[in-house]
Amino acid sequence: MVGNIKISKTEQGIYKVEIENEDHTLGNLLSTVLQGLQGVNIAYYEIPHPLENKLIIYIDLEEGIDPKEKLIEALKKIKEINLEFRDKYLQKIKEMNINIED
């Protein structure tokens, strides 16, 4: 379960999003989707230390863009991708007459 989320700005003007209780799974997915959004110059993530249960995402945005709005936009995009995958998966299973309910 996602823990606390903190957003700050570095001296270089890059936003730093710290998310507790998350790992590479969310970091890779979120940073990849962020990179494809308009107004995002670059997005990447790191796990500071294996014993720290924390994910840090860095986002360089064009001037005047709110990092919270971009995070929400990215999460909505991830949800859309997930739903599209689910629908295609279920359709294929139906076409193949496979029963997945036990």
C-alpha atoms as a PDB file:
ATOM      1  CA  MET A   1       0.000   0.000   0.000  1.00  0.00           C
ATOM      2  CA  VAL A   2       1.292   3.448  -0.888  1.00  0.00           C
ATOM      3  CA  GLY A   3       2.570   5.425   2.069  1.00  0.00           C
ATOM      4  CA  ASN A   4       3.218   9.123   2.402  1.00  0.00           C
ATOM      5  CA  ILE A   5       3.920  11.168  -0.714  1.00  0.00           C
ATOM      6  CA  LYS A   6       6.079  14.300  -0.562  1.00  0.00           C
ATOM      7  CA  ILE A   7       6.744  16.683  -3.446  1.00  0.00           C
ATOM      8  CA  SER A   8       9.599  19.155  -3.312  1.00  0.00           C
ATOM      9  CA  LYS A   9      11.716  21.106  -5.766  1.00  0.00           C
ATOM     10  CA  THR A  10      15.484  20.705  -6.075  1.00  0.00           C
ATOM     11  CA  GLU A  11      17.922  23.597  -6.497  1.00  0.00           C
ATOM     12  CA  GLN A  12      18.067  22.734 -10.218  1.00  0.00           C
ATOM     13  CA  GLY A  13      14.299  23.211 -10.546  1.00  0.00           C
ATOM     14  CA  ILE A  14      13.492  19.515 -10.862  1.00  0.00           C
ATOM     15  CA  TYR A  15      10.575  18.158  -8.868  1.00  0.00           C
ATOM     16  CA  LYS A  16      11.330  15.347  -6.444  1.00  0.00           C
ATOM     17  CA  VAL A  17       8.434  13.051  -5.558  1.00  0.00           C
ATOM     18  CA  GLU A  18       9.093  10.734  -2.611  1.00  0.00           C
ATOM     19  CA  ILE A  19       6.706   7.811  -2.210  1.00  0.00           C
ATOM     20  CA  GLU A  20       6.985   5.505   0.767  1.00  0.00           C
ATOM     21  CA  ASN A  21       6.340   1.758   0.553  1.00  0.00           C
ATOM     22  CA  GLU A  22       6.861   1.507  -3.207  1.00  0.00           C
ATOM     23  CA  ASP A  23       9.567  -0.030  -5.357  1.00  0.00           C
ATOM     24  CA  HIS A  24      10.845  -0.454  -8.934  1.00  0.00           C
ATOM     25  CA  THR A  25       7.472  -1.676 -10.195  1.00  0.00           C
ATOM     26  CA  LEU A  26       5.715   1.649  -9.708  1.00  0.00           C
ATOM     27  CA  GLY A  27       8.889   3.675 -10.311  1.00  0.00           C
ATOM     28  CA  ASN A  28       9.521   2.242 -13.755  1.00  0.00           C
ATOM     29  CA  LEU A  29       5.886   2.389 -14.833  1.00  0.00           C
ATOM     30  CA  LEU A  30       5.223   5.904 -13.565  1.00  0.00           C
ATOM     31  CA  SER A  31       8.447   7.443 -14.870  1.00  0.00           C
ATOM     32  CA  THR A  32       7.953   5.813 -18.295  1.00  0.00           C
ATOM     33  CA  VAL A  33       4.386   7.127 -18.622  1.00  0.00           C
ATOM     34  CA  LEU A  34       5.412  10.578 -17.361  1.00  0.00           C
ATOM     35  CA  GLN A  35       8.072  10.798 -20.079  1.00  0.00           C
ATOM     36  CA  GLY A  36       5.368  10.459 -22.732  1.00  0.00           C
ATOM     37  CA  LEU A  37       3.256  13.332 -21.432  1.00  0.00           C
ATOM     38  CA  GLN A  38       3.280  16.779 -22.948  1.00  0.00           C
ATOM     39  CA  GLY A  39       5.146  19.294 -20.811  1.00  0.00           C
ATOM     40  CA  VAL A  40       7.458  16.716 -19.239  1.00  0.00           C
ATOM     41  CA  ASN A  41      11.070  17.180 -20.299  1.00  0.00           C
ATOM     42  CA  ILE A  42      12.386  14.145 -18.451  1.00  0.00           C
ATOM     43  CA  ALA A  43      11.287  11.768 -15.717  1.00  0.00           C
ATOM     44  CA  TYR A  44      13.281   9.088 -13.960  1.00  0.00           C
ATOM     45  CA  TYR A  45      13.313   7.291 -10.651  1.00  0.00           C
ATOM     46  CA  GLU A  46      15.615   5.795  -8.078  1.00  0.00           C
ATOM     47  CA  ILE A  47      15.457   3.599  -5.033  1.00  0.00           C
ATOM     48  CA  PRO A  48      17.857   5.329  -2.605  1.00  0.00           C
ATOM     49  CA  HIS A  49      18.876   2.173  -0.736  1.00  0.00           C
ATOM     50  CA  PRO A  50      17.607  -1.433  -0.681  1.00  0.00           C
ATOM     51  CA  LEU A  51      16.880  -1.189   3.031  1.00  0.00           C
ATOM     52  CA  GLU A  52      14.859   2.019   2.610  1.00  0.00           C
ATOM     53  CA  ASN A  53      11.336   1.271   1.499  1.00  0.00           C
ATOM     54  CA  LYS A  54      11.089   4.437  -0.575  1.00  0.00           C
ATOM     55  CA  LEU A  55      10.814   5.408  -4.230  1.00  0.00           C
ATOM     56  CA  ILE A  56      11.971   8.784  -5.553  1.00  0.00           C
ATOM     57  CA  ILE A  57      10.755  10.067  -8.914  1.00  0.00           C
ATOM     58  CA  TYR A  58      12.402  13.117 -10.483  1.00  0.00           C
ATOM     59  CA  ILE A  59      10.382  15.169 -12.974  1.00  0.00           C
ATOM     60  CA  ASP A  60      11.665  18.076 -15.051  1.00  0.00           C
ATOM     61  CA  LEU A  61       8.649  20.053 -16.265  1.00  0.00           C
ATOM     62  CA  GLU A  62       8.169  22.970 -18.594  1.00  0.00           C
ATOM     63  CA  GLU A  63       7.576  26.293 -16.853  1.00  0.00           C
ATOM     64  CA  GLY A  64       4.169  26.727 -15.217  1.00  0.00           C
ATOM     65  CA  ILE A  65       3.160  23.065 -15.080  1.00  0.00           C
ATOM     66  CA  ASP A  66       1.926  21.684 -11.760  1.00  0.00           C
ATOM     67  CA  PRO A  67       3.667  18.413 -10.814  1.00  0.00           C
ATOM     68  CA  LYS A  68       0.568  17.140  -9.000  1.00  0.00           C
ATOM     69  CA  GLU A  69      -1.499  17.530 -12.171  1.00  0.00           C
ATOM     70  CA  LYS A  70       1.107  15.626 -14.202  1.00  0.00           C
ATOM     71  CA  LEU A  71       1.212  12.819 -11.646  1.00  0.00           C
ATOM     72  CA  ILE A  72      -2.578  12.543 -11.736  1.00  0.00           C
ATOM     73  CA  GLU A  73      -2.533  12.589 -15.551  1.00  0.00           C
ATOM     74  CA  ALA A  74       0.078   9.805 -15.590  1.00  0.00           C
ATOM     75  CA  LEU A  75      -1.906   7.694 -13.118  1.00  0.00           C
ATOM     76  CA  LYS A  76      -5.064   8.116 -15.204  1.00  0.00           C
ATOM     77  CA  LYS A  77      -3.100   7.038 -18.294  1.00  0.00           C
ATOM     78  CA  ILE A  78      -1.835   3.953 -16.444  1.00  0.00           C
ATOM     79  CA  LYS A  79      -5.412   3.103 -15.474  1.00  0.00           C
ATOM     80  CA  GLU A  80      -6.531   3.459 -19.116  1.00  0.00           C
ATOM     81  CA  ILE A  81      -3.700   1.186 -20.304  1.00  0.00           C
ATOM     82  CA  ASN A  82      -4.608  -1.370 -17.646  1.00  0.00           C
ATOM     83  CA  LEU A  83      -8.293  -1.372 -18.576  1.00  0.00           C
ATOM     84  CA  GLU A  84      -7.484  -1.673 -22.284  1.00  0.00           C
ATOM     85  CA  PHE A  85      -5.198  -4.634 -21.587  1.00  0.00           C
ATOM     86  CA  ARG A  86      -7.841  -6.272 -19.400  1.00  0.00           C
ATOM     87  CA  ASP A  87     -10.529  -5.876 -22.056  1.00  0.00           C
ATOM     88  CA  LYS A  88      -8.321  -7.340 -24.788  1.00  0.00           C
ATOM     89  CA  TYR A  89      -7.269 -10.208 -22.528  1.00  0.00           C
ATOM     90  CA  LEU A  90     -10.850 -11.093 -21.609  1.00  0.00           C
ATOM     91  CA  GLN A  91     -11.954 -10.839 -25.241  1.00  0.00           C
ATOM     92  CA  LYS A  92      -9.202 -13.229 -26.349  1.00  0.00           C
ATOM     93  CA  ILE A  93     -10.100 -15.703 -23.613  1.00  0.00           C
ATOM     94  CA  LYS A  94     -13.732 -15.553 -24.713  1.00  0.00           C
ATOM     95  CA  GLU A  95     -12.730 -16.151 -28.355  1.00  0.00           C
ATOM     96  CA  MET A  96     -10.727 -19.203 -27.310  1.00  0.00           C
ATOM     97  CA  ASN A  97     -13.596 -20.596 -25.157  1.00  0.00           C
ATOM     98  CA  ILE A  98     -11.453 -20.669 -22.051  1.00  0.00           C
ATOM     99  CA  ASN A  99     -13.252 -20.618 -18.718  1.00  0.00           C
ATOM    100  CA  ILE A 100     -11.239 -18.637 -16.136  1.00  0.00           C
ATOM    101  CA  GLU A 101     -13.824 -18.754 -13.369  1.00  0.00           C
ATOM    102  CA  ASP A 102     -13.315 -21.559 -10.852  1.00  0.00           C
END
